[in-house]
Amino acid sequence: MYKILKNTEEHTILLPATLDEHFPLLKYMFWSKGKAIVPLTESDEFAVREEGLKYSNYDICYPYVLMAGQIMRALQSGRYDPKKTSVLIPTAGDACRGACYIGMMEKSLQQAGFTDTHMVTINVRHVCNDISLKITTDTAIRGLFGMFYGDILMLLANQTRPYEAHPGETEALRRRWYRELAKDIRLGRHLTLRHMRKNFKRIAESFRAIERTGEKRQKIGIVAEFYAKYCALGNWNLVSYLEEHGCEAIVGGLSWYMLYYIDSHKPAKWGPERVGFEAVKKLMTHVQTDMLVAMHRCGFHVPGRYEVMDEHSRPYVSHNLINADGWLMGAEAVDLIRHGVRKILCNAPFGCLPNVCAGRGVYPNIRREFPDALLTVIETDSSGSKLNYFNRVQMVIDTKLPPRRKRREE
């Protein structure tokens, strides 16, 4: 059914927008001579949505509509030779789009007339092994560094940009770090834990040095399904909107999702594969701690470590919810509240089935347990109104919360 990627001298792999803050580094995970991964960046939501609907429908989950639209518009632009181009679908490989996007995208490409365009995927669940990009030790190391560097740059930029005295300075600094770190990842140099720890310190100190205005802003957390959390196209530039309206947006890092996924999907029985899962988890937990320590020492607030978030969420969130983002959405909400962030926007793309169970099914219980917090579900949809969406966001911004009451457990 699927076409196998050929290792030609000039081959382009198109990657639909998902991890806006991480792709500038993660795109070098599979870098090699003659093969370039190109993250798509088109941000015209209306044009992308209308194109995507030609190859889907209003009942399909909204992220797929946008991904299909981005890919088709890129292939129609003439910049890429369809015969030397592949489409990469990163996938968790479990329920919902974790497995079905590959087949859906193949059908959409055929419908659009791009029968010579290849499909490739990345997943650890052995979905469509014949078209999977193989994760070797080298690619795993590059991915690890790209993920954590992307995390710290995103966390620090979101805490600095709203307060910068000279507009644009934060993004200029982040771009400088992207260039330096991307070169290391691409060339495979300085990829040691010792050097990463040193870079964490340098990065945090460089963001601390940016001059601030000293203004006070309310903090609003964002919890969501993977795409709606990290992709500006998928959440209608929610972070920018919050910052333009006097707020600081707090978005959790990608490493928490990866640790959640490793922890939730490791084999039940002990064996070589389970040992491997546990070893990777231990390594990532260690690196995440180093990252948070570097941020804390420079005066930035930090989210709870994965293990702390896991432990503290168990009384309120069922950890049997492991499809897609599963219990992590509720756990992040609990962690935000415990760190004093009482306003939380729960972004939900239309048609996201796991989000309905693991998100909307959990939020009411969190509201009951934390009555001083405000959790509001907002939905992006192909047929939805941006006016209604941002009206709800604005209501959260303008709502005056009563003084926080101390909980018994505290």
Protein backbone atom coordinates (compact mmCIF):
# COMPACT_ATOMS: atom_id res chain seq x y z
CA MET A 1 0.00 0.00 0.00
CA TYR A 2 2.73 2.47 0.98
CA LYS A 3 5.68 3.59 -1.09
CA ILE A 4 9.11 3.04 0.41
CA LEU A 5 11.34 6.10 0.74
CA LYS A 6 14.27 5.91 -1.65
CA ASN A 7 17.58 7.33 -0.52
CA THR A 8 18.09 9.65 -3.49
CA GLU A 9 20.77 12.33 -3.64
CA GLU A 10 18.24 15.16 -3.31
CA HIS A 11 15.22 14.21 -1.30
CA THR A 12 12.92 16.53 0.65
CA ILE A 13 10.80 15.41 3.58
CA LEU A 14 7.91 17.76 4.36
CA LEU A 15 6.94 17.96 8.00
CA PRO A 16 3.60 19.65 8.83
CA ALA A 17 3.78 22.20 11.63
CA THR A 18 3.38 20.67 15.09
CA LEU A 19 6.25 21.64 17.41
CA ASP A 20 6.88 25.26 16.47
CA GLU A 21 9.43 25.82 19.24
CA HIS A 22 11.30 22.52 18.77
CA PHE A 23 11.38 21.81 15.03
CA PRO A 24 14.21 24.31 14.34
CA LEU A 25 16.40 21.84 16.27
CA LEU A 26 14.58 18.51 15.92
CA LYS A 27 14.62 18.72 12.13
CA TYR A 28 18.31 17.74 12.30
CA MET A 29 17.48 14.51 14.10
CA PHE A 30 17.45 12.62 10.79
CA TRP A 31 19.75 14.98 8.93
CA SER A 32 22.01 13.42 6.33
CA LYS A 33 23.57 14.29 3.01
CA GLY A 34 20.96 14.42 0.28
CA LYS A 35 17.98 14.32 2.64
CA ALA A 36 16.48 17.46 4.15
CA ILE A 37 13.54 17.68 6.54
CA VAL A 38 11.55 20.87 5.93
CA PRO A 39 9.08 21.92 8.65
CA LEU A 40 6.15 23.74 7.05
CA THR A 41 5.52 27.21 8.45
CA GLU A 42 2.59 28.62 6.50
CA SER A 43 0.41 30.44 9.03
CA ASP A 44 -2.58 31.55 6.91
CA GLU A 45 -5.11 29.55 8.88
CA PHE A 46 -8.05 30.31 6.57
CA ALA A 47 -6.22 29.26 3.38
CA VAL A 48 -4.75 26.15 5.01
CA ARG A 49 -8.11 25.13 6.48
CA GLU A 50 -10.01 25.58 3.21
CA GLU A 51 -7.42 23.52 1.32
CA GLY A 52 -7.46 20.80 3.95
CA LEU A 53 -11.24 20.50 3.82
CA LYS A 54 -11.01 19.54 0.13
CA TYR A 55 -9.36 16.30 1.23
CA SER A 56 -11.24 15.68 4.49
CA ASN A 57 -14.49 16.95 5.99
CA TYR A 58 -15.88 18.93 8.91
CA ASP A 59 -16.21 15.82 11.09
CA ILE A 60 -12.53 14.87 10.97
CA CYS A 61 -10.42 16.20 13.82
CA TYR A 62 -9.23 19.72 13.23
CA PRO A 63 -5.45 19.01 13.39
CA TYR A 64 -5.75 16.67 10.41
CA VAL A 65 -7.57 19.32 8.36
CA LEU A 66 -4.72 21.78 8.99
CA MET A 67 -1.95 19.23 8.36
CA ALA A 68 -3.52 18.13 5.08
CA GLY A 69 -4.00 21.73 4.00
CA GLN A 70 -0.39 22.67 4.75
CA ILE A 71 0.99 19.68 2.88
CA MET A 72 -1.21 20.12 -0.19
CA ARG A 73 -0.44 23.83 -0.47
CA ALA A 74 3.29 23.11 -0.18
CA LEU A 75 3.15 20.47 -2.93
CA GLN A 76 1.03 22.72 -5.14
CA SER A 77 3.49 25.61 -4.74
CA GLY A 78 5.94 24.13 -7.24
CA ARG A 79 8.86 24.40 -4.83
CA TYR A 80 9.10 20.63 -4.41
CA ASP A 81 9.36 17.83 -6.95
CA PRO A 82 6.60 15.35 -5.95
CA LYS A 83 8.77 12.45 -7.12
CA LYS A 84 11.59 13.49 -4.79
CA THR A 85 9.41 14.51 -1.88
CA SER A 86 8.05 12.59 1.09
CA VAL A 87 5.54 13.54 3.75
CA LEU A 88 6.53 12.78 7.34
CA ILE A 89 3.82 12.04 9.90
CA PRO A 90 5.21 11.78 13.44
CA THR A 91 2.83 9.61 15.42
CA ALA A 92 2.59 8.04 18.84
CA GLY A 93 1.12 4.98 17.15
CA ASP A 94 -1.76 4.48 19.56
CA ALA A 95 -5.47 5.36 19.34
CA CYS A 96 -7.02 8.09 17.19
CA ARG A 97 -4.61 9.96 14.92
CA GLY A 98 -1.73 8.12 16.54
CA ALA A 99 -2.35 5.42 13.95
CA CYS A 100 -4.95 6.58 11.44
CA TYR A 101 -3.26 9.75 10.11
CA ILE A 102 -0.86 7.74 7.97
CA GLY A 103 -3.62 6.04 5.99
CA MET A 104 -5.72 9.21 5.85
CA MET A 105 -2.82 11.25 4.48
CA GLU A 106 -2.02 8.59 1.87
CA LYS A 107 -5.61 8.75 0.67
CA SER A 108 -5.55 12.57 0.60
CA LEU A 109 -2.34 12.61 -1.45
CA GLN A 110 -3.87 10.23 -3.99
CA GLN A 111 -7.03 12.32 -4.15
CA ALA A 112 -4.95 15.44 -4.79
CA GLY A 113 -3.07 13.72 -7.62
CA PHE A 114 0.30 13.41 -5.85
CA THR A 115 0.59 9.67 -6.47
CA ASP A 116 4.40 9.85 -6.70
CA THR A 117 4.81 11.43 -3.26
CA HIS A 118 6.07 9.07 -0.59
CA MET A 119 4.82 8.68 2.97
CA VAL A 120 7.18 8.18 5.92
CA THR A 121 6.54 8.08 9.64
CA ILE A 122 8.21 8.05 13.06
CA ASN A 123 6.72 5.94 15.81
CA VAL A 124 7.74 3.44 18.44
CA ARG A 125 4.65 1.23 18.16
CA HIS A 126 5.71 -0.51 14.93
CA VAL A 127 2.89 1.10 12.90
CA CYS A 128 3.71 0.76 9.19
CA ASN A 129 7.26 -0.45 9.78
CA ASP A 130 7.98 -0.50 6.06
CA ILE A 131 7.86 3.32 5.86
CA SER A 132 9.23 4.18 9.32
CA LEU A 133 12.38 6.26 9.64
CA LYS A 134 14.64 4.12 11.79
CA ILE A 135 15.59 5.49 15.19
CA THR A 136 19.26 4.70 15.68
CA THR A 137 21.50 5.61 18.59
CA ASP A 138 22.70 8.64 16.64
CA THR A 139 19.21 9.92 15.82
CA ALA A 140 18.03 9.29 19.40
CA ILE A 141 20.90 11.36 20.82
CA ARG A 142 20.25 14.20 18.40
CA GLY A 143 16.56 14.05 19.24
CA LEU A 144 17.26 14.11 22.98
CA PHE A 145 19.39 17.24 22.69
CA GLY A 146 16.95 18.93 20.30
CA MET A 147 14.03 18.23 22.64
CA PHE A 148 15.65 19.56 25.83
CA TYR A 149 17.22 22.58 24.15
CA GLY A 150 13.84 23.34 22.58
CA ASP A 151 12.19 23.00 25.99
CA ILE A 152 14.46 25.39 27.85
CA LEU A 153 14.35 27.98 25.06
CA MET A 154 10.54 27.85 24.98
CA LEU A 155 10.13 28.01 28.76
CA LEU A 156 12.56 30.90 29.13
CA ALA A 157 11.25 32.85 26.13
CA ASN A 158 7.66 32.64 27.40
CA GLN A 159 8.79 34.02 30.77
CA THR A 160 10.92 36.80 29.27
CA ARG A 161 9.20 38.07 26.12
CA PRO A 162 6.15 39.64 27.87
CA TYR A 163 8.41 41.72 30.12
CA GLU A 164 11.26 42.74 27.79
CA ALA A 165 12.13 46.44 27.83
CA HIS A 166 13.24 46.33 24.18
CA PRO A 167 10.67 44.50 22.02
CA GLY A 168 12.17 41.75 19.87
CA GLU A 169 15.23 41.17 22.06
CA THR A 170 13.98 37.83 23.40
CA GLU A 171 13.26 36.38 19.96
CA ALA A 172 16.60 37.63 18.64
CA LEU A 173 18.37 35.84 21.49
CA ARG A 174 16.41 32.67 20.90
CA ARG A 175 17.26 32.72 17.18
CA ARG A 176 20.93 33.11 18.07
CA TRP A 177 20.73 30.06 20.30
CA TYR A 178 18.87 28.13 17.59
CA ARG A 179 21.73 28.79 15.16
CA GLU A 180 24.43 27.72 17.61
CA LEU A 181 22.65 24.63 18.91
CA ALA A 182 21.36 23.54 15.50
CA LYS A 183 24.91 23.54 14.17
CA ASP A 184 26.05 21.29 17.02
CA ILE A 185 23.16 18.86 16.50
CA ARG A 186 23.61 18.80 12.73
CA LEU A 187 27.35 18.15 12.98
CA GLY A 188 26.98 15.78 15.93
CA ARG A 189 29.41 17.71 18.11
CA HIS A 190 29.26 18.67 21.82
CA LEU A 191 26.50 16.12 22.32
CA THR A 192 27.47 15.13 25.86
CA LEU A 193 25.51 15.51 29.09
CA ARG A 194 28.29 17.63 30.56
CA HIS A 195 28.15 20.06 27.66
CA MET A 196 24.34 20.13 27.75
CA ARG A 197 24.43 21.02 31.46
CA LYS A 198 26.88 23.81 30.68
CA ASN A 199 24.62 25.09 27.89
CA PHE A 200 21.57 25.03 30.18
CA LYS A 201 23.43 27.42 32.50
CA ARG A 202 24.59 29.66 29.63
CA ILE A 203 21.12 29.81 28.10
CA ALA A 204 19.41 30.66 31.40
CA GLU A 205 21.98 33.35 32.20
CA SER A 206 21.60 34.93 28.76
CA PHE A 207 17.82 35.24 29.17
CA ARG A 208 18.24 36.60 32.70
CA ALA A 209 20.43 39.37 31.27
CA ILE A 210 17.59 40.76 29.11
CA GLU A 211 16.37 44.07 30.55
CA ARG A 212 12.82 43.92 31.89
CA THR A 213 10.13 46.55 32.37
CA GLY A 214 9.18 45.41 35.85
CA GLU A 215 5.45 45.27 35.07
CA LYS A 216 3.20 42.70 36.72
CA ARG A 217 1.18 40.35 34.53
CA GLN A 218 -1.28 37.63 35.35
CA LYS A 219 -0.17 34.12 34.46
CA ILE A 220 -2.47 31.90 32.41
CA GLY A 221 -1.68 28.24 31.84
CA ILE A 222 -2.39 26.35 28.63
CA VAL A 223 -3.08 22.62 28.73
CA ALA A 224 -4.13 20.81 25.62
CA GLU A 225 -3.75 17.94 23.23
CA PHE A 226 -0.26 17.84 21.69
CA TYR A 227 -1.01 19.72 18.45
CA ALA A 228 -3.26 22.35 20.00
CA LYS A 229 -0.64 23.07 22.67
CA TYR A 230 2.52 23.47 20.62
CA CYS A 231 1.35 24.59 17.16
CA ALA A 232 0.36 28.24 16.72
CA LEU A 233 -1.66 27.30 13.63
CA GLY A 234 -3.57 24.75 15.70
CA ASN A 235 -4.35 27.07 18.62
CA TRP A 236 -4.88 30.25 16.59
CA ASN A 237 -1.79 31.96 18.02
CA LEU A 238 -3.11 31.75 21.56
CA VAL A 239 0.23 32.57 23.22
CA SER A 240 0.60 35.75 21.16
CA TYR A 241 -2.96 36.80 21.97
CA LEU A 242 -2.40 36.37 25.70
CA GLU A 243 0.83 38.36 25.60
CA GLU A 244 -0.77 41.15 23.57
CA HIS A 245 -3.48 41.41 26.24
CA GLY A 246 -1.23 41.77 29.23
CA CYS A 247 -0.69 38.14 30.26
CA GLU A 248 2.11 35.61 30.50
CA ALA A 249 1.31 32.25 28.89
CA ILE A 250 2.64 29.12 30.57
CA VAL A 251 3.05 26.05 28.34
CA GLY A 252 4.57 22.77 29.52
CA GLY A 253 7.63 21.33 27.82
CA LEU A 254 7.86 18.44 25.37
CA SER A 255 10.05 16.36 27.70
CA TRP A 256 7.13 15.92 30.10
CA TYR A 257 5.07 14.41 27.28
CA MET A 258 7.88 12.06 26.28
CA LEU A 259 8.39 10.91 29.86
CA TYR A 260 4.65 10.39 30.24
CA TYR A 261 4.58 8.34 27.06
CA ILE A 262 7.57 6.21 28.02
CA ASP A 263 6.18 5.64 31.50
CA SER A 264 2.65 4.82 30.34
CA HIS A 265 3.59 2.53 27.45
CA LYS A 266 6.48 0.51 28.84
CA PRO A 267 5.98 -3.28 28.74
CA ALA A 268 4.21 -4.71 31.78
CA LYS A 269 6.65 -7.61 32.10
CA TRP A 270 10.33 -7.22 32.87
CA GLY A 271 12.58 -8.03 29.97
CA PRO A 272 15.13 -6.34 27.69
CA GLU A 273 12.53 -3.92 26.28
CA ARG A 274 11.25 -2.91 29.73
CA VAL A 275 14.83 -2.38 30.92
CA GLY A 276 15.42 -0.14 27.92
CA PHE A 277 12.32 1.94 28.69
CA GLU A 278 13.40 2.35 32.31
CA ALA A 279 16.93 3.35 31.32
CA VAL A 280 15.68 6.03 28.93
CA LYS A 281 13.26 7.32 31.55
CA LYS A 282 16.04 7.56 34.14
CA LEU A 283 18.29 9.43 31.72
CA MET A 284 15.59 11.89 30.67
CA THR A 285 14.54 12.50 34.29
CA HIS A 286 18.15 13.34 35.14
CA VAL A 287 18.48 15.77 32.23
CA GLN A 288 15.13 17.39 32.97
CA THR A 289 16.24 18.00 36.56
CA ASP A 290 19.47 19.64 35.35
CA MET A 291 17.44 21.91 33.07
CA LEU A 292 15.06 22.99 35.84
CA VAL A 293 17.91 23.58 38.29
CA ALA A 294 19.62 25.90 35.78
CA MET A 295 16.39 27.85 35.30
CA HIS A 296 15.68 28.08 39.04
CA ARG A 297 19.16 29.36 39.86
CA CYS A 298 18.63 32.23 37.42
CA GLY A 299 15.37 33.24 39.06
CA PHE A 300 12.87 31.70 36.64
CA HIS A 301 9.85 29.77 37.89
CA VAL A 302 9.85 26.13 36.94
CA PRO A 303 7.14 23.50 36.52
CA GLY A 304 7.22 20.39 38.67
CA ARG A 305 9.53 17.60 37.56
CA TYR A 306 7.76 14.78 35.76
CA GLU A 307 7.91 12.44 38.76
CA VAL A 308 6.48 15.13 41.06
CA MET A 309 3.71 15.93 38.57
CA ASP A 310 2.95 12.22 38.31
CA GLU A 311 2.72 11.74 42.09
CA HIS A 312 0.71 14.87 42.88
CA SER A 313 -1.87 14.29 40.15
CA ARG A 314 -2.84 10.74 41.13
CA PRO A 315 -5.54 11.72 43.68
CA TYR A 316 -7.34 13.76 41.03
CA VAL A 317 -6.61 12.14 37.65
CA SER A 318 -6.97 8.51 36.59
CA HIS A 319 -3.64 7.25 35.28
CA ASN A 320 -5.45 4.59 33.28
CA LEU A 321 -6.01 7.25 30.61
CA ILE A 322 -3.01 6.65 28.37
CA ASN A 323 -4.24 7.23 24.80
CA ALA A 324 -2.71 10.28 23.13
CA ASP A 325 -1.93 12.91 25.82
CA GLY A 326 -4.08 10.98 28.30
CA TRP A 327 -3.71 11.78 31.98
CA LEU A 328 -0.91 14.27 31.30
CA MET A 329 -3.44 16.99 30.44
CA GLY A 330 -5.08 16.74 33.85
CA ALA A 331 -1.72 16.35 35.59
CA GLU A 332 -0.41 19.55 34.02
CA ALA A 333 -3.54 21.40 35.16
CA VAL A 334 -3.04 20.17 38.73
CA ASP A 335 0.65 21.14 38.63
CA LEU A 336 -0.18 24.64 37.39
CA ILE A 337 -2.68 25.15 40.20
CA ARG A 338 -0.23 23.88 42.80
CA HIS A 339 2.28 26.46 41.51
CA GLY A 340 -0.21 29.29 41.91
CA VAL A 341 -1.50 29.52 38.33
CA ARG A 342 -5.25 29.65 38.90
CA LYS A 343 -6.44 30.47 35.39
CA ILE A 344 -6.07 27.65 32.89
CA LEU A 345 -7.19 27.50 29.26
CA CYS A 346 -7.90 23.94 28.17
CA ASN A 347 -7.50 24.09 24.40
CA ALA A 348 -9.40 21.33 22.59
CA PRO A 349 -9.31 20.70 18.84
CA PHE A 350 -12.65 19.55 17.48
CA GLY A 351 -12.86 15.81 16.89
CA CYS A 352 -10.05 14.88 19.29
CA LEU A 353 -11.52 11.75 20.88
CA PRO A 354 -8.86 11.20 23.60
CA ASN A 355 -9.24 14.85 24.60
CA VAL A 356 -12.95 14.34 25.25
CA CYS A 357 -12.24 11.50 27.71
CA ALA A 358 -8.89 12.44 29.21
CA GLY A 359 -9.48 16.18 29.05
CA ARG A 360 -13.11 17.17 29.36
CA GLY A 361 -13.87 14.08 31.38
CA VAL A 362 -11.24 15.02 33.99
CA TYR A 363 -11.48 18.82 34.23
CA PRO A 364 -14.80 18.86 36.18
CA ASN A 365 -13.24 16.77 38.96
CA ILE A 366 -10.24 19.10 39.11
CA ARG A 367 -12.61 22.07 39.39
CA ARG A 368 -14.37 20.42 42.33
CA GLU A 369 -11.08 19.64 44.06
CA PHE A 370 -9.64 23.11 43.40
CA PRO A 371 -12.65 25.48 43.57
CA ASP A 372 -10.41 28.56 43.59
CA ALA A 373 -9.09 27.75 40.10
CA LEU A 374 -10.73 28.60 36.79
CA LEU A 375 -10.47 25.91 34.08
CA THR A 376 -12.12 26.89 30.80
CA VAL A 377 -12.37 24.65 27.73
CA ILE A 378 -11.96 26.48 24.41
CA GLU A 379 -12.29 24.67 21.09
CA THR A 380 -10.70 25.22 17.70
CA ASP A 381 -12.81 23.94 14.83
CA SER A 382 -13.02 24.11 11.03
CA SER A 383 -16.50 25.60 11.30
CA GLY A 384 -15.88 27.49 14.54
CA SER A 385 -15.77 31.23 15.02
CA LYS A 386 -12.56 32.91 16.09
CA LEU A 387 -14.71 35.63 17.63
CA ASN A 388 -16.36 33.15 19.99
CA TYR A 389 -13.03 31.48 20.71
CA PHE A 390 -11.27 34.67 21.73
CA ASN A 391 -14.34 35.95 23.55
CA ARG A 392 -13.96 32.98 25.89
CA VAL A 393 -10.24 33.67 26.22
CA GLN A 394 -10.96 37.30 27.02
CA MET A 395 -13.52 36.30 29.65
CA VAL A 396 -10.85 34.26 31.40
CA ILE A 397 -8.42 37.19 31.25
CA ASP A 398 -10.99 39.61 32.70
CA THR A 399 -12.43 37.33 35.40
CA LYS A 400 -11.54 38.44 38.93
CA LEU A 401 -10.82 35.44 41.13
CA PRO A 402 -11.43 35.50 44.89
CA PRO A 403 -8.45 35.25 47.25
CA ARG A 404 -6.95 31.79 47.26
CA ARG A 405 -8.04 29.58 50.13
CA LYS A 406 -5.53 27.26 51.72
CA ARG A 407 -6.23 23.57 51.17
CA ARG A 408 -6.14 21.09 54.02
CA GLU A 409 -3.25 19.13 52.49
CA GLU A 410 -1.14 22.27 52.43
